[in-house]
Amino acid sequence: MSKKSLSSRMPWYRAEFDLEGLGFGALALVLAIILGGLHWILGLIFMIVLAIILLASRDTERTSPSAANLVLAPNDGVIESVSSVAPPRELRWDTPEVIRVRIASSPFSANGVRAAITGNVESFLIEPGAPATLAFDAEDPNLREAFILISSESHAVGVRVATGGTGPRLDVNLEPGDGVRAGRKIGVRRLGGWSDVFLPVGSEVSLEPGMSVIGGETILSDLSEVEESATTASEPVVVPEPVVEETPAEPEPAPEAPVAEEAVEPVEDAAVPDTDVETASDEADAELGEEADEASDKKTSKKS
């Protein structure tokens, strides 16, 4: 019986299992049968292992709403919190603040990871984390994480998928530039974990903490009435600072030096040189002597 005919006869049956899970499940079943013949406890142990393997590899078909600008839950789980935060730097989303919807998934949830919105993958990054980490905190730095930024025609939505402490396996088949459709399966995460959906500021989340969601079907938000998101970029955008030409400052005028007043010496009466005075007196004496000689000559001539 084909899968399509089975779904038409039993529409409630939508379970799927990946090939890797079926292989390990078959091995656990064989061991349970063989070892169960030796002791029933060994058989019970491997039957429990078989159940865990099937749960870890379980997925289901989903029917996603086709309306544009709808943001869907990427995984099955429960809404843990709705808060405003700064986007993780791994998303390379050029916006200061976003709305984060955190979804917690149990180890028994379906393992499919689905696209949250229809658009193109702007950036994609895998953080390997530490192997065999047992963690119960969504912010534990040792978790294996996938960061996906998807942009539609007018909005951008970021997704962070983290494995739980009991499920280190996370495989996402994406590359930057790939086109995705909301609700389509893009990867696998086994044994639960956390999913963070980052929405533009102004988005209205239609669910509250504690409510259950179905990956690929439950609508988290409708972005049709939200303003366009901030610019997205695969690399951080650096805006150069404007160059301001500085006008050289005019030099301050040097202080004027005080003008020294020239000392004016008093003008004294011109002194007559001594040589001129002596010459004048000699000439006067000579004239007087000549006059005296002439007078004596006249007296002598009269007597004679």
Protein backbone atom coordinates (compact mmCIF):
# COMPACT_ATOMS: atom_id res chain seq x y z
CA MET A 1 0.00 0.00 0.00
CA SER A 2 1.43 3.36 -1.01
CA LYS A 3 1.95 6.17 1.42
CA LYS A 4 -0.66 8.31 -0.33
CA SER A 5 -3.33 5.64 -0.17
CA LEU A 6 -2.51 4.96 3.48
CA SER A 7 -2.98 8.65 4.30
CA SER A 8 -6.29 8.74 2.48
CA ARG A 9 -7.56 5.72 4.41
CA MET A 10 -6.15 6.88 7.77
CA PRO A 11 -5.74 10.70 7.65
CA TRP A 12 -4.72 10.72 11.29
CA TYR A 13 -1.67 8.57 10.51
CA ARG A 14 1.11 10.96 9.57
CA ALA A 15 4.14 9.42 11.27
CA GLU A 16 7.47 9.02 9.49
CA PHE A 17 10.85 7.61 10.50
CA ASP A 18 14.20 8.42 8.95
CA LEU A 19 16.35 5.61 7.57
CA GLU A 20 19.08 6.03 10.18
CA GLY A 21 16.55 5.60 12.98
CA LEU A 22 15.00 2.57 11.33
CA GLY A 23 18.42 0.93 10.99
CA PHE A 24 19.32 1.37 14.65
CA GLY A 25 15.79 0.37 15.64
CA ALA A 26 16.07 -2.88 13.73
CA LEU A 27 19.40 -3.62 15.43
CA ALA A 28 17.89 -2.96 18.88
CA LEU A 29 14.96 -5.24 18.06
CA VAL A 30 17.25 -8.12 17.04
CA LEU A 31 19.30 -7.74 20.23
CA ALA A 32 16.14 -7.62 22.32
CA ILE A 33 14.96 -10.91 20.83
CA ILE A 34 18.32 -12.67 21.17
CA LEU A 35 19.20 -11.43 24.65
CA GLY A 36 15.61 -11.74 25.81
CA GLY A 37 15.96 -15.47 25.29
CA LEU A 38 18.80 -15.47 27.81
CA HIS A 39 17.03 -13.32 30.37
CA TRP A 40 13.86 -11.31 30.18
CA ILE A 41 15.49 -8.26 31.81
CA LEU A 42 18.00 -7.99 28.95
CA GLY A 43 15.16 -8.22 26.47
CA LEU A 44 13.26 -5.46 28.32
CA ILE A 45 16.30 -3.18 28.32
CA PHE A 46 16.72 -3.41 24.57
CA MET A 47 13.01 -2.94 23.98
CA ILE A 48 13.29 0.36 25.89
CA VAL A 49 16.29 1.26 23.72
CA LEU A 50 14.19 0.48 20.64
CA ALA A 51 11.43 2.82 21.83
CA ILE A 52 13.91 5.65 22.43
CA ILE A 53 15.44 5.18 18.98
CA LEU A 54 12.04 5.30 17.30
CA LEU A 55 11.12 8.44 19.22
CA ALA A 56 14.40 10.09 18.27
CA SER A 57 13.88 9.32 14.58
CA ARG A 58 10.16 10.14 14.43
CA ASP A 59 8.78 12.83 12.18
CA THR A 60 5.34 13.61 10.78
CA GLU A 61 3.80 15.16 7.71
CA ARG A 62 2.62 18.72 8.16
CA THR A 63 0.14 20.87 6.25
CA SER A 64 1.38 24.46 6.40
CA PRO A 65 -0.75 27.59 5.82
CA SER A 66 0.11 29.21 2.50
CA ALA A 67 -0.65 32.89 3.24
CA ALA A 68 2.25 35.30 2.78
CA ASN A 69 4.10 36.96 5.69
CA LEU A 70 3.14 34.23 8.17
CA VAL A 71 5.77 33.11 10.69
CA LEU A 72 5.40 29.45 11.69
CA ALA A 73 6.84 27.47 14.57
CA PRO A 74 10.00 25.63 13.43
CA ASN A 75 9.54 22.73 15.90
CA ASP A 76 6.98 21.02 18.07
CA GLY A 77 7.01 22.16 21.68
CA VAL A 78 5.74 24.63 24.25
CA ILE A 79 6.12 28.42 24.27
CA GLU A 80 8.59 29.14 27.06
CA SER A 81 8.88 32.94 26.83
CA VAL A 82 8.25 36.01 24.66
CA SER A 83 10.67 38.90 25.21
CA SER A 84 12.55 41.77 23.55
CA VAL A 85 16.27 41.12 23.12
CA ALA A 86 19.22 42.08 20.95
CA PRO A 87 19.69 39.65 18.03
CA PRO A 88 22.57 37.16 18.36
CA ARG A 89 25.69 38.29 16.50
CA GLU A 90 25.75 34.90 14.73
CA LEU A 91 22.64 35.91 12.78
CA ARG A 92 24.42 38.94 11.27
CA TRP A 93 21.18 40.87 11.46
CA ASP A 94 21.66 44.63 11.30
CA THR A 95 19.00 45.68 13.79
CA PRO A 96 19.36 46.73 17.45
CA GLU A 97 16.33 44.91 18.90
CA VAL A 98 14.02 42.01 18.04
CA ILE A 99 11.21 40.03 19.65
CA ARG A 100 12.26 36.52 20.69
CA VAL A 101 9.79 33.64 20.94
CA ARG A 102 11.44 30.69 22.72
CA ILE A 103 10.05 27.19 22.19
CA ALA A 104 11.09 24.24 24.37
CA SER A 105 10.82 20.75 22.84
CA SER A 106 10.76 17.49 24.80
CA PRO A 107 12.85 14.43 23.83
CA PHE A 108 9.63 12.82 22.58
CA SER A 109 8.79 15.61 20.11
CA ALA A 110 9.01 15.09 16.35
CA ASN A 111 12.56 15.68 15.17
CA GLY A 112 11.90 17.81 12.07
CA VAL A 113 13.24 21.37 11.81
CA ARG A 114 11.08 23.51 9.51
CA ALA A 115 11.44 26.91 7.83
CA ALA A 116 9.73 29.66 9.81
CA ILE A 117 8.94 31.92 6.82
CA THR A 118 9.06 31.88 3.03
CA GLY A 119 12.11 33.64 1.61
CA ASN A 120 15.84 33.37 0.96
CA VAL A 121 18.55 32.33 3.39
CA GLU A 122 20.67 35.42 4.11
CA SER A 123 23.06 33.80 6.57
CA PHE A 124 23.59 30.34 8.05
CA LEU A 125 25.97 29.25 10.78
CA ILE A 126 26.48 26.04 12.78
CA GLU A 127 28.11 26.12 16.23
CA PRO A 128 29.34 22.56 16.95
CA GLY A 129 29.21 22.81 20.74
CA ALA A 130 30.67 20.14 23.01
CA PRO A 131 30.03 16.41 22.47
CA ALA A 132 27.83 14.50 24.91
CA THR A 133 26.81 17.61 26.80
CA LEU A 134 24.15 17.24 29.48
CA ALA A 135 22.54 20.67 29.80
CA PHE A 136 19.16 21.96 30.88
CA ASP A 137 19.70 25.63 30.07
CA ALA A 138 18.90 27.13 26.67
CA GLU A 139 21.83 29.56 27.04
CA ASP A 140 24.44 26.88 27.77
CA PRO A 141 27.49 27.67 25.57
CA ASN A 142 28.20 23.96 24.99
CA LEU A 143 24.99 23.29 23.05
CA ARG A 144 25.13 22.55 19.34
CA GLU A 145 23.34 25.42 17.61
CA ALA A 146 22.21 26.48 14.14
CA PHE A 147 21.61 30.16 13.31
CA ILE A 148 19.46 30.92 10.26
CA LEU A 149 18.42 34.33 8.92
CA ILE A 150 15.67 34.27 6.29
CA SER A 151 14.48 37.38 4.44
CA SER A 152 11.27 37.72 2.45
CA GLU A 153 10.41 40.61 0.15
CA SER A 154 9.85 43.03 3.01
CA HIS A 155 10.78 41.32 6.28
CA ALA A 156 13.47 39.25 7.93
CA VAL A 157 13.11 36.49 10.53
CA GLY A 158 15.89 34.79 12.47
CA VAL A 159 15.88 31.28 13.92
CA ARG A 160 18.20 29.65 16.44
CA VAL A 161 17.88 25.88 16.88
CA ALA A 162 19.72 24.29 19.83
CA THR A 163 19.95 20.67 20.87
CA GLY A 164 18.96 19.53 24.32
CA GLY A 165 21.50 18.10 26.69
CA THR A 166 20.34 14.59 25.81
CA GLY A 167 20.33 15.09 22.04
CA PRO A 168 23.62 16.25 20.54
CA ARG A 169 22.54 15.50 16.94
CA LEU A 170 21.54 18.50 14.82
CA ASP A 171 21.68 18.48 11.02
CA VAL A 172 20.45 21.41 8.90
CA ASN A 173 20.77 21.24 5.12
CA LEU A 174 21.04 24.88 4.07
CA GLU A 175 23.41 27.26 2.32
CA PRO A 176 23.29 31.06 2.09
CA GLY A 177 21.20 32.02 -0.94
CA ASP A 178 18.87 28.99 -0.79
CA GLY A 179 15.15 29.59 -1.19
CA VAL A 180 12.85 28.09 1.46
CA ARG A 181 9.11 27.86 1.96
CA ALA A 182 7.39 28.25 5.31
CA GLY A 183 6.74 24.87 6.94
CA ARG A 184 9.09 22.88 4.71
CA LYS A 185 11.54 20.56 6.45
CA ILE A 186 15.10 21.93 6.41
CA GLY A 187 16.81 19.72 9.00
CA VAL A 188 16.66 17.22 11.84
CA ARG A 189 17.15 17.63 15.59
CA ARG A 190 16.93 14.55 17.79
CA LEU A 191 15.73 14.23 21.39
CA GLY A 192 14.49 17.76 21.84
CA GLY A 193 16.03 21.10 22.70
CA TRP A 194 15.13 24.75 22.16
CA SER A 195 14.17 26.95 19.24
CA ASP A 196 14.28 30.75 19.26
CA VAL A 197 12.34 32.67 16.62
CA PHE A 198 13.42 36.32 16.25
CA LEU A 199 10.77 38.69 14.86
CA PRO A 200 11.00 42.37 13.82
CA VAL A 201 10.06 44.96 16.42
CA GLY A 202 6.32 45.67 16.24
CA SER A 203 5.33 42.07 15.54
CA GLU A 204 2.32 40.74 17.44
CA VAL A 205 2.78 37.23 18.81
CA SER A 206 -0.52 35.36 18.76
CA LEU A 207 0.48 32.85 21.47
CA GLU A 208 1.33 33.06 25.15
CA PRO A 209 3.86 31.19 27.31
CA GLY A 210 2.66 27.70 28.18
CA MET A 211 0.77 27.11 24.93
CA SER A 212 1.69 24.15 22.71
CA VAL A 213 2.82 24.59 19.11
CA ILE A 214 3.14 22.25 16.13
CA GLY A 215 6.17 22.76 13.93
CA GLY A 216 5.31 23.90 10.42
CA GLU A 217 1.62 24.50 11.24
CA THR A 218 1.20 26.81 14.23
CA ILE A 219 1.26 30.53 13.33
CA LEU A 220 3.43 32.58 15.68
CA SER A 221 2.91 35.97 14.03
CA ASP A 222 1.54 37.72 10.94
CA LEU A 223 3.98 40.32 9.56
CA SER A 224 1.65 41.76 6.92
CA GLU A 225 0.96 44.87 9.03
CA VAL A 226 4.51 45.29 10.33
CA GLU A 227 6.82 47.88 8.82
CA GLU A 228 9.70 46.61 6.73
CA SER A 229 12.48 45.04 8.79
CA ALA A 230 15.93 46.51 9.12
CA THR A 231 18.43 45.80 6.38
CA THR A 232 19.86 42.31 6.46
CA ALA A 233 23.39 41.46 5.39
CA SER A 234 25.52 38.33 5.20
CA GLU A 235 28.42 40.40 6.48
CA PRO A 236 28.23 43.14 9.09
CA VAL A 237 27.65 46.51 7.47
CA VAL A 238 30.11 49.18 8.53
CA VAL A 239 28.93 52.74 7.93
CA PRO A 240 31.90 55.07 7.43
CA GLU A 241 31.87 58.17 9.53
CA PRO A 242 31.51 61.40 7.57
CA VAL A 243 34.79 63.19 7.04
CA VAL A 244 34.64 66.69 8.42
CA GLU A 245 37.15 69.08 6.95
CA GLU A 246 38.64 71.11 9.71
CA THR A 247 39.24 74.78 8.93
CA PRO A 248 42.65 75.79 10.21
CA ALA A 249 42.28 78.17 13.08
CA GLU A 250 43.49 81.71 12.40
CA PRO A 251 46.59 82.51 14.41
CA GLU A 252 45.99 84.90 17.21
CA PRO A 253 47.59 88.32 16.65
CA ALA A 254 50.82 88.71 18.52
CA PRO A 255 50.63 91.26 21.32
CA GLU A 256 52.05 94.63 20.27
CA ALA A 257 55.41 95.38 21.82
CA PRO A 258 55.37 98.61 23.80
CA VAL A 259 56.94 101.38 21.78
CA ALA A 260 59.92 102.69 23.66
CA GLU A 261 59.88 106.47 23.68
CA GLU A 262 63.14 107.84 22.41
CA ALA A 263 64.87 109.84 25.02
CA VAL A 264 65.05 113.41 23.84
CA GLU A 265 68.12 115.13 25.22
CA PRO A 266 67.58 118.75 26.04
CA VAL A 267 69.08 121.00 23.45
CA GLU A 268 71.75 123.13 25.06
CA ASP A 269 72.90 126.45 23.70
CA ALA A 270 75.53 125.90 21.17
CA ALA A 271 78.78 126.53 22.84
CA VAL A 272 81.26 128.57 20.87
CA PRO A 273 84.43 126.68 20.44
CA ASP A 274 87.39 127.99 22.46
CA THR A 275 89.54 128.31 19.36
CA ASP A 276 87.12 130.77 17.80
CA VAL A 277 87.05 132.89 20.99
CA GLU A 278 90.82 132.99 21.16
CA THR A 279 91.13 133.98 17.48
CA ALA A 280 88.65 136.81 17.93
CA SER A 281 90.51 138.18 20.96
CA ASP A 282 93.87 138.06 19.13
CA GLU A 283 92.46 140.01 16.21
CA ALA A 284 91.04 142.63 18.58
CA ASP A 285 94.43 143.00 20.31
CA ALA A 286 96.18 143.38 16.95
CA GLU A 287 93.79 146.14 15.88
CA LEU A 288 94.30 147.98 19.15
CA GLY A 289 98.06 147.69 18.77
CA GLU A 290 97.97 149.14 15.27
CA GLU A 291 95.80 152.01 16.43
CA ALA A 292 98.26 152.72 19.25
CA ASP A 293 101.21 152.72 16.81
CA GLU A 294 99.42 155.10 14.50
CA ALA A 295 98.66 157.44 17.38
CA SER A 296 102.29 157.44 18.52
CA ASP A 297 103.49 158.15 14.98
CA LYS A 298 101.17 161.12 14.74
CA LYS A 299 102.49 162.57 18.01
CA THR A 300 106.08 162.21 16.87
CA SER A 301 105.42 163.96 13.61
CA LYS A 302 103.78 166.88 15.38
CA LYS A 303 106.78 167.42 17.69
CA SER A 304 109.14 167.50 14.89
